[in-house]
Amino acid sequence: MSETVRKSTKLSRFVWSDTTTDPTYHRLSKPYALYREMYGMMLIEDARAFPYDHGDGEFVVSLEQVGENPRWPNLVVSALDRDSRSNRRTDGRLYSGDLEDALRKFSEFCLQQVLMFGEAAYEIVYSDPDDHGRWQAFHLSLVHPYRRSLGRHRHYKAQIGDERGEWITLPDDRVVVFRIEPAAYRHQVADSMAAVVSGSKASGSFMGMIGKVTRYDFSKHQNSEQVILAQATRSLGWTGRGLYVKEGLPPYLAMRTLQFALFQVHLREMVVRGVQAALVKAGDYFGVQSTLQVSGVPSRADIENARKSIEVGPGTDKSLYDVERSCRV
């Protein structure tokens, strides 16, 4: 396998390194610093698409496969879970992994990028060539910085040492983009994220004034802040872990919880749709067709039924807490 061919298969360049001298690093790292503020990081952590565990076996991810390749499920786990790619047996083959855990780990990192930047682009990178030059594995590598130009996928290869930075074009059959759709909803999410970050920065500023002699009414400020943030995050339904809606009545809080559960369903569908697109593209190379199936998590129908239950009353056998808990991830 020639070195030229090896390089052409992985065009993405790791740019988040402390050793890079390219000024783009500092410009692009700024959003990360913003979202590390308290409320921003809380929202990103809460907006998970899949449960932390299997929930007594209810959360299940499966592959419906067409094509003779017994290694395919293991290849998919390796592609999604960055940690599993380092776990190899003495014969060079991958350990059998957990598809549920791999999809969850992938979604956590993917959603961070989507919520911070509006989208996340991944390149399908093939690796582990055999003696005949055929790739035996693949993984999804984050492409960042990323932009679209004239219908082409573009990635910035950062300046490292004496090498000059430049934008390069990525092959269309190797790129999958995760993006919240439709565009109107994506803008609502972006506005909510911006409001959360602004609220977090403002809270940090005023917290520093506590204990000082001032005529400013902090309680009124906090109440106003809660109302503004609750309104700004209405499309998401996020409550700031209870910080925004301290005075909210139980029915209102339950409906907000269900709205946030619907937002999580939207994110989950986006992740599954994007991963499925990647499996189709990689499957063409490996001669496999497969469909990703996810079960044991709240669906849109479950949340709609819960909403109706709250509107008409949950009945004597259930409380509002029981209704909203059934739709939590």
C-alpha atoms as a PDB file:
ATOM      1  CA  MET A   1       0.000   0.000   0.000  1.00  0.00           C
ATOM      2  CA  SER A   2       1.637   3.229  -1.108  1.00  0.00           C
ATOM      3  CA  GLU A   3       1.972   6.139   1.262  1.00  0.00           C
ATOM      4  CA  THR A   4       0.218   8.383  -1.284  1.00  0.00           C
ATOM      5  CA  VAL A   5      -2.902   6.225  -1.245  1.00  0.00           C
ATOM      6  CA  ARG A   6      -2.882   6.122   2.544  1.00  0.00           C
ATOM      7  CA  LYS A   7      -2.864   9.916   2.807  1.00  0.00           C
ATOM      8  CA  SER A   8      -5.628  10.369   0.228  1.00  0.00           C
ATOM      9  CA  THR A   9      -8.053   8.319   2.300  1.00  0.00           C
ATOM     10  CA  LYS A  10      -7.953  10.596   5.326  1.00  0.00           C
ATOM     11  CA  LEU A  11      -8.170  14.244   4.418  1.00  0.00           C
ATOM     12  CA  SER A  12      -9.357  15.512   7.788  1.00  0.00           C
ATOM     13  CA  ARG A  13      -6.656  17.119   9.889  1.00  0.00           C
ATOM     14  CA  PHE A  14      -6.774  17.314  13.673  1.00  0.00           C
ATOM     15  CA  VAL A  15      -6.733  21.025  14.508  1.00  0.00           C
ATOM     16  CA  TRP A  16      -7.572  21.126  18.225  1.00  0.00           C
ATOM     17  CA  SER A  17      -3.977  20.893  19.315  1.00  0.00           C
ATOM     18  CA  ASP A  18      -2.099  23.190  21.632  1.00  0.00           C
ATOM     19  CA  THR A  19       0.893  22.987  19.310  1.00  0.00           C
ATOM     20  CA  THR A  20      -0.829  24.532  16.286  1.00  0.00           C
ATOM     21  CA  THR A  21       0.322  28.021  15.332  1.00  0.00           C
ATOM     22  CA  ASP A  22      -2.626  28.740  13.065  1.00  0.00           C
ATOM     23  CA  PRO A  23      -4.741  31.702  14.294  1.00  0.00           C
ATOM     24  CA  THR A  24      -7.904  29.833  13.230  1.00  0.00           C
ATOM     25  CA  TYR A  25      -7.484  27.613  16.280  1.00  0.00           C
ATOM     26  CA  HIS A  26      -8.034  30.507  18.676  1.00  0.00           C
ATOM     27  CA  ARG A  27     -10.948  31.915  16.665  1.00  0.00           C
ATOM     28  CA  LEU A  28     -12.777  28.580  16.508  1.00  0.00           C
ATOM     29  CA  SER A  29     -12.082  27.632  20.103  1.00  0.00           C
ATOM     30  CA  LYS A  30     -13.983  30.699  21.329  1.00  0.00           C
ATOM     31  CA  PRO A  31     -17.458  29.055  21.023  1.00  0.00           C
ATOM     32  CA  TYR A  32     -16.233  26.198  23.199  1.00  0.00           C
ATOM     33  CA  ALA A  33     -15.228  28.662  25.892  1.00  0.00           C
ATOM     34  CA  LEU A  34     -18.633  30.355  25.706  1.00  0.00           C
ATOM     35  CA  TYR A  35     -20.614  27.155  26.045  1.00  0.00           C
ATOM     36  CA  ARG A  36     -18.524  26.014  28.987  1.00  0.00           C
ATOM     37  CA  GLU A  37     -20.437  28.624  30.963  1.00  0.00           C
ATOM     38  CA  MET A  38     -22.786  27.069  33.518  1.00  0.00           C
ATOM     39  CA  TYR A  39     -26.144  27.177  31.726  1.00  0.00           C
ATOM     40  CA  GLY A  40     -24.701  26.378  28.301  1.00  0.00           C
ATOM     41  CA  MET A  41     -22.954  23.230  29.483  1.00  0.00           C
ATOM     42  CA  MET A  42     -26.008  22.193  31.496  1.00  0.00           C
ATOM     43  CA  LEU A  43     -28.216  22.382  28.410  1.00  0.00           C
ATOM     44  CA  ILE A  44     -25.738  20.434  26.280  1.00  0.00           C
ATOM     45  CA  GLU A  45     -25.501  17.730  28.927  1.00  0.00           C
ATOM     46  CA  ASP A  46     -29.282  17.472  29.318  1.00  0.00           C
ATOM     47  CA  ALA A  47     -30.015  17.330  25.587  1.00  0.00           C
ATOM     48  CA  ARG A  48     -28.993  13.698  25.283  1.00  0.00           C
ATOM     49  CA  ALA A  49     -30.633  11.468  22.680  1.00  0.00           C
ATOM     50  CA  PHE A  50     -30.182   8.071  24.337  1.00  0.00           C
ATOM     51  CA  PRO A  51     -30.322   6.718  27.907  1.00  0.00           C
ATOM     52  CA  TYR A  52     -27.198   6.349  30.001  1.00  0.00           C
ATOM     53  CA  ASP A  53     -27.915   2.637  30.399  1.00  0.00           C
ATOM     54  CA  HIS A  54     -30.126  -0.051  28.874  1.00  0.00           C
ATOM     55  CA  GLY A  55     -32.980   0.570  31.306  1.00  0.00           C
ATOM     56  CA  ASP A  56     -33.553  -3.086  32.194  1.00  0.00           C
ATOM     57  CA  GLY A  57     -33.097  -4.082  28.576  1.00  0.00           C
ATOM     58  CA  GLU A  58     -35.688  -1.688  27.127  1.00  0.00           C
ATOM     59  CA  PHE A  59     -33.198   0.428  25.149  1.00  0.00           C
ATOM     60  CA  VAL A  60     -32.019  -1.739  22.250  1.00  0.00           C
ATOM     61  CA  VAL A  61     -30.099  -0.908  19.070  1.00  0.00           C
ATOM     62  CA  SER A  62     -29.984  -3.481  16.294  1.00  0.00           C
ATOM     63  CA  LEU A  63     -28.800  -3.839  12.699  1.00  0.00           C
ATOM     64  CA  GLU A  64     -30.921  -5.471  10.027  1.00  0.00           C
ATOM     65  CA  GLN A  65     -28.209  -6.678   7.664  1.00  0.00           C
ATOM     66  CA  VAL A  66     -28.294  -7.814   4.046  1.00  0.00           C
ATOM     67  CA  GLY A  67     -24.986  -9.161   2.727  1.00  0.00           C
ATOM     68  CA  GLU A  68     -22.395 -11.701   3.802  1.00  0.00           C
ATOM     69  CA  ASN A  69     -20.062  -9.955   6.197  1.00  0.00           C
ATOM     70  CA  PRO A  70     -20.116 -11.372   9.746  1.00  0.00           C
ATOM     71  CA  ARG A  71     -17.705  -8.632  10.884  1.00  0.00           C
ATOM     72  CA  TRP A  72     -20.082  -5.806   9.941  1.00  0.00           C
ATOM     73  CA  PRO A  73     -21.766  -5.282  13.373  1.00  0.00           C
ATOM     74  CA  ASN A  74     -18.342  -5.138  14.983  1.00  0.00           C
ATOM     75  CA  LEU A  75     -17.118  -2.682  12.353  1.00  0.00           C
ATOM     76  CA  VAL A  76     -20.085  -0.421  13.079  1.00  0.00           C
ATOM     77  CA  VAL A  77     -19.335  -0.437  16.816  1.00  0.00           C
ATOM     78  CA  SER A  78     -15.720   0.422  16.065  1.00  0.00           C
ATOM     79  CA  ALA A  79     -16.765   3.254  13.741  1.00  0.00           C
ATOM     80  CA  LEU A  80     -19.037   4.862  16.339  1.00  0.00           C
ATOM     81  CA  ASP A  81     -17.083   4.284  19.538  1.00  0.00           C
ATOM     82  CA  ARG A  82     -13.674   5.935  19.424  1.00  0.00           C
ATOM     83  CA  ASP A  83     -12.517   3.985  22.482  1.00  0.00           C
ATOM     84  CA  SER A  84     -13.311   0.593  20.951  1.00  0.00           C
ATOM     85  CA  ARG A  85     -10.904   1.179  18.070  1.00  0.00           C
ATOM     86  CA  SER A  86      -7.966   0.787  20.439  1.00  0.00           C
ATOM     87  CA  ASN A  87      -9.299  -2.482  21.854  1.00  0.00           C
ATOM     88  CA  ARG A  88      -7.793  -5.157  19.610  1.00  0.00           C
ATOM     89  CA  ARG A  89      -7.096  -8.784  20.203  1.00  0.00           C
ATOM     90  CA  THR A  90      -3.721 -10.405  19.638  1.00  0.00           C
ATOM     91  CA  ASP A  91      -4.807 -11.467  16.139  1.00  0.00           C
ATOM     92  CA  GLY A  92      -5.564  -7.837  15.214  1.00  0.00           C
ATOM     93  CA  ARG A  93      -9.338  -8.241  15.158  1.00  0.00           C
ATOM     94  CA  LEU A  94     -11.667  -5.994  17.151  1.00  0.00           C
ATOM     95  CA  TYR A  95     -13.373  -7.087  20.307  1.00  0.00           C
ATOM     96  CA  SER A  96     -17.119  -7.503  20.049  1.00  0.00           C
ATOM     97  CA  GLY A  97     -18.634  -4.253  21.270  1.00  0.00           C
ATOM     98  CA  ASP A  98     -21.911  -2.905  22.583  1.00  0.00           C
ATOM     99  CA  LEU A  99     -23.909  -1.192  19.851  1.00  0.00           C
ATOM    100  CA  GLU A 100     -26.132   0.656  22.341  1.00  0.00           C
ATOM    101  CA  ASP A 101     -23.141   2.055  24.217  1.00  0.00           C
ATOM    102  CA  ALA A 102     -21.316   2.958  21.000  1.00  0.00           C
ATOM    103  CA  LEU A 103     -24.286   4.876  19.576  1.00  0.00           C
ATOM    104  CA  ARG A 104     -24.803   6.705  22.870  1.00  0.00           C
ATOM    105  CA  LYS A 105     -21.151   7.774  23.084  1.00  0.00           C
ATOM    106  CA  PHE A 106     -21.136   8.926  19.473  1.00  0.00           C
ATOM    107  CA  SER A 107     -24.342  10.919  19.915  1.00  0.00           C
ATOM    108  CA  GLU A 108     -23.065  12.731  23.006  1.00  0.00           C
ATOM    109  CA  PHE A 109     -20.074  14.185  21.183  1.00  0.00           C
ATOM    110  CA  CYS A 110     -22.017  14.757  17.944  1.00  0.00           C
ATOM    111  CA  LEU A 111     -24.784  16.685  19.715  1.00  0.00           C
ATOM    112  CA  GLN A 112     -22.244  18.946  21.395  1.00  0.00           C
ATOM    113  CA  GLN A 113     -21.091  20.073  17.961  1.00  0.00           C
ATOM    114  CA  VAL A 114     -24.621  20.397  16.582  1.00  0.00           C
ATOM    115  CA  LEU A 115     -25.847  22.512  19.485  1.00  0.00           C
ATOM    116  CA  MET A 116     -22.779  24.747  19.501  1.00  0.00           C
ATOM    117  CA  PHE A 117     -22.267  25.202  15.764  1.00  0.00           C
ATOM    118  CA  GLY A 118     -25.614  24.243  14.204  1.00  0.00           C
ATOM    119  CA  GLU A 119     -24.216  21.185  12.446  1.00  0.00           C
ATOM    120  CA  ALA A 120     -21.570  18.487  12.695  1.00  0.00           C
ATOM    121  CA  ALA A 121     -19.789  17.037   9.672  1.00  0.00           C
ATOM    122  CA  TYR A 122     -18.059  13.640   9.785  1.00  0.00           C
ATOM    123  CA  GLU A 123     -15.731  12.045   7.274  1.00  0.00           C
ATOM    124  CA  ILE A 124     -15.852   8.291   6.721  1.00  0.00           C
ATOM    125  CA  VAL A 125     -12.221   7.275   7.095  1.00  0.00           C
ATOM    126  CA  TYR A 126     -11.182   3.782   5.977  1.00  0.00           C
ATOM    127  CA  SER A 127      -8.239   2.069   7.658  1.00  0.00           C
ATOM    128  CA  ASP A 128      -6.444  -1.224   8.357  1.00  0.00           C
ATOM    129  CA  PRO A 129      -5.555  -2.345   4.798  1.00  0.00           C
ATOM    130  CA  ASP A 130      -4.913  -6.048   4.178  1.00  0.00           C
ATOM    131  CA  ASP A 131      -2.166  -7.516   2.032  1.00  0.00           C
ATOM    132  CA  HIS A 132      -4.164  -6.722  -1.107  1.00  0.00           C
ATOM    133  CA  GLY A 133      -4.773  -3.097  -0.201  1.00  0.00           C
ATOM    134  CA  ARG A 134      -8.421  -3.508   0.777  1.00  0.00           C
ATOM    135  CA  TRP A 135      -9.536  -1.512   3.816  1.00  0.00           C
ATOM    136  CA  GLN A 136     -10.762  -3.672   6.681  1.00  0.00           C
ATOM    137  CA  ALA A 137     -12.246  -1.034   9.004  1.00  0.00           C
ATOM    138  CA  PHE A 138     -13.688   2.476   9.050  1.00  0.00           C
ATOM    139  CA  HIS A 139     -14.566   5.187  11.535  1.00  0.00           C
ATOM    140  CA  LEU A 140     -16.288   8.549  11.600  1.00  0.00           C
ATOM    141  CA  SER A 141     -13.879  11.454  12.013  1.00  0.00           C
ATOM    142  CA  LEU A 142     -15.183  14.893  12.956  1.00  0.00           C
ATOM    143  CA  VAL A 143     -14.489  17.512  10.288  1.00  0.00           C
ATOM    144  CA  HIS A 144     -13.885  20.847  11.952  1.00  0.00           C
ATOM    145  CA  PRO A 145     -13.585  23.572  10.785  1.00  0.00           C
ATOM    146  CA  TYR A 146     -16.160  22.728   8.113  1.00  0.00           C
ATOM    147  CA  ARG A 147     -18.136  24.692   5.551  1.00  0.00           C
ATOM    148  CA  ARG A 148     -20.111  24.110   2.360  1.00  0.00           C
ATOM    149  CA  SER A 149     -19.111  25.986  -0.760  1.00  0.00           C
ATOM    150  CA  LEU A 150     -20.875  25.571  -4.123  1.00  0.00           C
ATOM    151  CA  GLY A 151     -22.284  22.250  -2.977  1.00  0.00           C
ATOM    152  CA  ARG A 152     -18.874  20.935  -1.934  1.00  0.00           C
ATOM    153  CA  HIS A 153     -17.731  19.832   1.510  1.00  0.00           C
ATOM    154  CA  ARG A 154     -14.769  21.912   2.616  1.00  0.00           C
ATOM    155  CA  HIS A 155     -12.398  21.351   5.527  1.00  0.00           C
ATOM    156  CA  TYR A 156      -9.714  23.683   6.833  1.00  0.00           C
ATOM    157  CA  LYS A 157      -6.351  21.983   7.140  1.00  0.00           C
ATOM    158  CA  ALA A 158      -4.667  24.010   9.856  1.00  0.00           C
ATOM    159  CA  GLN A 159      -1.167  25.409   9.681  1.00  0.00           C
ATOM    160  CA  ILE A 160       1.205  23.125  11.547  1.00  0.00           C
ATOM    161  CA  GLY A 161       4.850  24.104  11.720  1.00  0.00           C
ATOM    162  CA  ASP A 162       5.969  25.452   8.351  1.00  0.00           C
ATOM    163  CA  GLU A 163       2.976  23.971   6.522  1.00  0.00           C
ATOM    164  CA  ARG A 164       0.521  26.578   5.269  1.00  0.00           C
ATOM    165  CA  GLY A 165      -3.142  26.267   6.240  1.00  0.00           C
ATOM    166  CA  GLU A 166      -5.732  25.898   3.482  1.00  0.00           C
ATOM    167  CA  TRP A 167      -9.298  24.823   2.697  1.00  0.00           C
ATOM    168  CA  ILE A 168      -9.487  21.437   0.988  1.00  0.00           C
ATOM    169  CA  THR A 169     -12.408  19.632  -0.661  1.00  0.00           C
ATOM    170  CA  LEU A 170     -13.677  16.350   0.787  1.00  0.00           C
ATOM    171  CA  PRO A 171     -15.248  13.615  -1.384  1.00  0.00           C
ATOM    172  CA  ASP A 172     -19.033  13.688  -1.204  1.00  0.00           C
ATOM    173  CA  ASP A 173     -19.262   9.919  -0.718  1.00  0.00           C
ATOM    174  CA  ARG A 174     -17.172  10.187   2.452  1.00  0.00           C
ATOM    175  CA  VAL A 175     -18.984  12.979   4.297  1.00  0.00           C
ATOM    176  CA  VAL A 176     -22.131  12.870   6.434  1.00  0.00           C
ATOM    177  CA  VAL A 177     -23.586  16.048   7.949  1.00  0.00           C
ATOM    178  CA  PHE A 178     -25.749  16.081  11.078  1.00  0.00           C
ATOM    179  CA  ARG A 179     -27.988  19.149  11.050  1.00  0.00           C
ATOM    180  CA  ILE A 180     -31.225  20.088  12.831  1.00  0.00           C
ATOM    181  CA  GLU A 181     -34.062  20.384  10.331  1.00  0.00           C
ATOM    182  CA  PRO A 182     -36.096  22.236   9.284  1.00  0.00           C
ATOM    183  CA  ALA A 183     -34.134  25.465   9.108  1.00  0.00           C
ATOM    184  CA  ALA A 184     -36.766  27.400  11.097  1.00  0.00           C
ATOM    185  CA  TYR A 185     -36.422  25.002  14.018  1.00  0.00           C
ATOM    186  CA  ARG A 186     -32.630  25.119  13.740  1.00  0.00           C
ATOM    187  CA  HIS A 187     -32.790  28.907  14.104  1.00  0.00           C
ATOM    188  CA  GLN A 188     -35.028  28.562  17.164  1.00  0.00           C
ATOM    189  CA  VAL A 189     -32.506  26.217  18.748  1.00  0.00           C
ATOM    190  CA  ALA A 190     -29.661  28.620  17.945  1.00  0.00           C
ATOM    191  CA  ASP A 191     -31.577  31.531  19.497  1.00  0.00           C
ATOM    192  CA  SER A 192     -32.268  29.478  22.628  1.00  0.00           C
ATOM    193  CA  MET A 193     -28.608  28.507  22.926  1.00  0.00           C
ATOM    194  CA  ALA A 194     -27.532  32.138  22.522  1.00  0.00           C
ATOM    195  CA  ALA A 195     -29.981  33.228  25.229  1.00  0.00           C
ATOM    196  CA  VAL A 196     -28.735  30.547  27.604  1.00  0.00           C
ATOM    197  CA  VAL A 197     -25.122  31.576  27.094  1.00  0.00           C
ATOM    198  CA  SER A 198     -25.979  35.259  27.582  1.00  0.00           C
ATOM    199  CA  GLY A 199     -27.936  34.460  30.727  1.00  0.00           C
ATOM    200  CA  SER A 200     -25.051  32.468  32.097  1.00  0.00           C
ATOM    201  CA  LYS A 201     -22.574  35.289  31.495  1.00  0.00           C
ATOM    202  CA  ALA A 202     -24.922  37.815  33.085  1.00  0.00           C
ATOM    203  CA  SER A 203     -25.437  35.621  36.143  1.00  0.00           C
ATOM    204  CA  GLY A 204     -21.698  35.251  36.552  1.00  0.00           C
ATOM    205  CA  SER A 205     -21.261  39.025  36.493  1.00  0.00           C
ATOM    206  CA  PHE A 206     -23.944  39.692  39.087  1.00  0.00           C
ATOM    207  CA  MET A 207     -22.830  36.845  41.329  1.00  0.00           C
ATOM    208  CA  GLY A 208     -19.562  38.685  41.736  1.00  0.00           C
ATOM    209  CA  MET A 209     -21.458  41.658  43.208  1.00  0.00           C
ATOM    210  CA  ILE A 210     -23.135  39.671  45.976  1.00  0.00           C
ATOM    211  CA  GLY A 211     -22.026  40.881  49.375  1.00  0.00           C
ATOM    212  CA  LYS A 212     -21.042  44.299  48.107  1.00  0.00           C
ATOM    213  CA  VAL A 213     -22.843  47.477  49.117  1.00  0.00           C
ATOM    214  CA  THR A 214     -25.221  48.306  46.261  1.00  0.00           C
ATOM    215  CA  ARG A 215     -28.754  49.541  45.779  1.00  0.00           C
ATOM    216  CA  TYR A 216     -29.376  47.039  42.983  1.00  0.00           C
ATOM    217  CA  ASP A 217     -32.257  44.604  43.718  1.00  0.00           C
ATOM    218  CA  PHE A 218     -30.810  41.162  42.993  1.00  0.00           C
ATOM    219  CA  SER A 219     -34.102  39.329  43.624  1.00  0.00           C
ATOM    220  CA  LYS A 220     -35.890  41.358  40.949  1.00  0.00           C
ATOM    221  CA  HIS A 221     -33.008  40.766  38.585  1.00  0.00           C
ATOM    222  CA  GLN A 222     -33.151  37.018  39.140  1.00  0.00           C
ATOM    223  CA  ASN A 223     -36.915  36.929  38.633  1.00  0.00           C
ATOM    224  CA  SER A 224     -36.638  38.900  35.397  1.00  0.00           C
ATOM    225  CA  GLU A 225     -33.807  36.655  34.232  1.00  0.00           C
ATOM    226  CA  GLN A 226     -35.864  33.529  34.892  1.00  0.00           C
ATOM    227  CA  VAL A 227     -38.823  34.863  32.908  1.00  0.00           C
ATOM    228  CA  ILE A 228     -36.623  35.870  29.967  1.00  0.00           C
ATOM    229  CA  LEU A 229     -34.778  32.554  29.854  1.00  0.00           C
ATOM    230  CA  ALA A 230     -37.996  30.566  30.215  1.00  0.00           C
ATOM    231  CA  GLN A 231     -39.458  32.446  27.246  1.00  0.00           C
ATOM    232  CA  ALA A 232     -36.269  32.100  25.192  1.00  0.00           C
ATOM    233  CA  THR A 233     -36.123  28.319  25.696  1.00  0.00           C
ATOM    234  CA  ARG A 234     -39.855  27.737  25.174  1.00  0.00           C
ATOM    235  CA  SER A 235     -39.301  25.987  21.823  1.00  0.00           C
ATOM    236  CA  LEU A 236     -36.953  23.523  23.526  1.00  0.00           C
ATOM    237  CA  GLY A 237     -38.876  23.114  26.765  1.00  0.00           C
ATOM    238  CA  TRP A 238     -35.704  23.163  28.838  1.00  0.00           C
ATOM    239  CA  THR A 239     -36.198  24.422  32.405  1.00  0.00           C
ATOM    240  CA  GLY A 240     -32.572  24.947  33.409  1.00  0.00           C
ATOM    241  CA  ARG A 241     -32.951  22.017  35.821  1.00  0.00           C
ATOM    242  CA  GLY A 242     -35.680  23.933  37.610  1.00  0.00           C
ATOM    243  CA  LEU A 243     -33.808  27.248  37.829  1.00  0.00           C
ATOM    244  CA  TYR A 244     -35.999  29.041  35.254  1.00  0.00           C
ATOM    245  CA  VAL A 245     -39.410  27.953  36.481  1.00  0.00           C
ATOM    246  CA  LYS A 246     -39.262  28.075  40.262  1.00  0.00           C
ATOM    247  CA  GLU A 247     -42.740  29.628  40.375  1.00  0.00           C
ATOM    248  CA  GLY A 248     -44.226  27.359  37.709  1.00  0.00           C
ATOM    249  CA  LEU A 249     -47.294  25.268  38.509  1.00  0.00           C
ATOM    250  CA  PRO A 250     -47.027  21.453  38.201  1.00  0.00           C
ATOM    251  CA  PRO A 251     -49.106  21.178  34.979  1.00  0.00           C
ATOM    252  CA  TYR A 252     -46.932  23.825  33.308  1.00  0.00           C
ATOM    253  CA  LEU A 253     -43.734  22.126  34.445  1.00  0.00           C
ATOM    254  CA  ALA A 254     -44.996  18.780  33.168  1.00  0.00           C
ATOM    255  CA  MET A 255     -45.791  20.256  29.750  1.00  0.00           C
ATOM    256  CA  ARG A 256     -42.329  21.873  29.601  1.00  0.00           C
ATOM    257  CA  THR A 257     -40.769  18.523  30.420  1.00  0.00           C
ATOM    258  CA  LEU A 258     -42.683  16.881  27.582  1.00  0.00           C
ATOM    259  CA  GLN A 259     -41.654  19.668  25.199  1.00  0.00           C
ATOM    260  CA  PHE A 260     -38.020  19.002  26.058  1.00  0.00           C
ATOM    261  CA  ALA A 261     -38.602  15.269  25.579  1.00  0.00           C
ATOM    262  CA  LEU A 262     -39.917  16.077  22.093  1.00  0.00           C
ATOM    263  CA  PHE A 263     -36.737  18.059  21.425  1.00  0.00           C
ATOM    264  CA  GLN A 264     -34.710  15.007  22.455  1.00  0.00           C
ATOM    265  CA  VAL A 265     -36.740  12.873  20.032  1.00  0.00           C
ATOM    266  CA  HIS A 266     -35.860  15.356  17.286  1.00  0.00           C
ATOM    267  CA  LEU A 267     -32.169  15.076  18.143  1.00  0.00           C
ATOM    268  CA  ARG A 268     -32.366  11.273  18.322  1.00  0.00           C
ATOM    269  CA  GLU A 269     -33.975  11.058  14.890  1.00  0.00           C
ATOM    270  CA  MET A 270     -31.283  13.339  13.492  1.00  0.00           C
ATOM    271  CA  VAL A 271     -28.494  11.151  14.913  1.00  0.00           C
ATOM    272  CA  VAL A 272     -30.061   7.889  13.696  1.00  0.00           C
ATOM    273  CA  ARG A 273     -30.694   9.384  10.257  1.00  0.00           C
ATOM    274  CA  GLY A 274     -27.092  10.601   9.959  1.00  0.00           C
ATOM    275  CA  VAL A 275     -25.554   7.349  11.190  1.00  0.00           C
ATOM    276  CA  GLN A 276     -27.780   5.430   8.777  1.00  0.00           C
ATOM    277  CA  ALA A 277     -26.503   7.592   5.905  1.00  0.00           C
ATOM    278  CA  ALA A 278     -22.923   6.808   6.962  1.00  0.00           C
ATOM    279  CA  LEU A 279     -23.666   3.070   7.092  1.00  0.00           C
ATOM    280  CA  VAL A 280     -25.114   3.200   3.586  1.00  0.00           C
ATOM    281  CA  LYS A 281     -21.997   4.896   2.222  1.00  0.00           C
ATOM    282  CA  ALA A 282     -19.567   2.633   4.068  1.00  0.00           C
ATOM    283  CA  GLY A 283     -21.717  -0.404   3.301  1.00  0.00           C
ATOM    284  CA  ASP A 284     -21.295   0.206  -0.419  1.00  0.00           C
ATOM    285  CA  TYR A 285     -17.560  -0.308   0.042  1.00  0.00           C
ATOM    286  CA  PHE A 286     -17.879  -3.417   2.213  1.00  0.00           C
ATOM    287  CA  GLY A 287     -20.720  -4.928   0.191  1.00  0.00           C
ATOM    288  CA  VAL A 288     -23.269  -4.754   3.031  1.00  0.00           C
ATOM    289  CA  GLN A 289     -26.698  -3.167   3.311  1.00  0.00           C
ATOM    290  CA  SER A 290     -27.966  -2.542   6.837  1.00  0.00           C
ATOM    291  CA  THR A 291     -30.675  -0.624   8.639  1.00  0.00           C
ATOM    292  CA  LEU A 292     -30.196   0.829  12.120  1.00  0.00           C
ATOM    293  CA  GLN A 293     -33.136   0.167  14.430  1.00  0.00           C
ATOM    294  CA  VAL A 294     -33.638   1.813  17.847  1.00  0.00           C
ATOM    295  CA  SER A 295     -36.304   0.761  20.348  1.00  0.00           C
ATOM    296  CA  GLY A 296     -37.084   1.199  24.031  1.00  0.00           C
ATOM    297  CA  VAL A 297     -37.005   5.020  23.997  1.00  0.00           C
ATOM    298  CA  PRO A 298     -39.925   7.501  24.045  1.00  0.00           C
ATOM    299  CA  SER A 299     -41.455   8.173  20.630  1.00  0.00           C
ATOM    300  CA  ARG A 300     -43.394  11.136  19.309  1.00  0.00           C
ATOM    301  CA  ALA A 301     -46.603   9.168  19.814  1.00  0.00           C
ATOM    302  CA  ASP A 302     -45.702   8.470  23.453  1.00  0.00           C
ATOM    303  CA  ILE A 303     -45.164  12.167  24.129  1.00  0.00           C
ATOM    304  CA  GLU A 304     -48.380  13.172  22.354  1.00  0.00           C
ATOM    305  CA  ASN A 305     -50.338  10.664  24.426  1.00  0.00           C
ATOM    306  CA  ALA A 306     -48.720  12.037  27.578  1.00  0.00           C
ATOM    307  CA  ARG A 307     -49.712  15.575  26.579  1.00  0.00           C
ATOM    308  CA  LYS A 308     -53.319  14.527  26.096  1.00  0.00           C
ATOM    309  CA  SER A 309     -53.233  12.782  29.444  1.00  0.00           C
ATOM    310  CA  ILE A 310     -52.155  16.001  31.162  1.00  0.00           C
ATOM    311  CA  GLU A 311     -54.770  18.076  29.323  1.00  0.00           C
ATOM    312  CA  VAL A 312     -57.663  15.836  30.373  1.00  0.00           C
ATOM    313  CA  GLY A 313     -56.151  14.714  33.672  1.00  0.00           C
ATOM    314  CA  PRO A 314     -53.863  11.745  34.294  1.00  0.00           C
ATOM    315  CA  GLY A 315     -56.551   9.759  36.117  1.00  0.00           C
ATOM    316  CA  THR A 316     -56.488   8.297  39.602  1.00  0.00           C
ATOM    317  CA  ASP A 317     -53.828   5.672  38.866  1.00  0.00           C
ATOM    318  CA  LYS A 318     -51.155   8.159  37.694  1.00  0.00           C
ATOM    319  CA  SER A 319     -49.724  11.462  38.831  1.00  0.00           C
ATOM    320  CA  LEU A 320     -48.237  14.240  36.698  1.00  0.00           C
ATOM    321  CA  TYR A 321     -44.827  13.004  37.753  1.00  0.00           C
ATOM    322  CA  ASP A 322     -45.618   9.496  36.485  1.00  0.00           C
ATOM    323  CA  VAL A 323     -46.730  10.858  33.125  1.00  0.00           C
ATOM    324  CA  GLU A 324     -43.651  13.009  32.524  1.00  0.00           C
ATOM    325  CA  ARG A 325     -41.254  10.368  33.869  1.00  0.00           C
ATOM    326  CA  SER A 326     -42.484   7.886  31.255  1.00  0.00           C
ATOM    327  CA  CYS A 327     -41.168  10.216  28.534  1.00  0.00           C
ATOM    328  CA  ARG A 328     -37.752  10.967  29.970  1.00  0.00           C
ATOM    329  CA  VAL A 329     -34.581   9.659  28.344  1.00  0.00           C
END
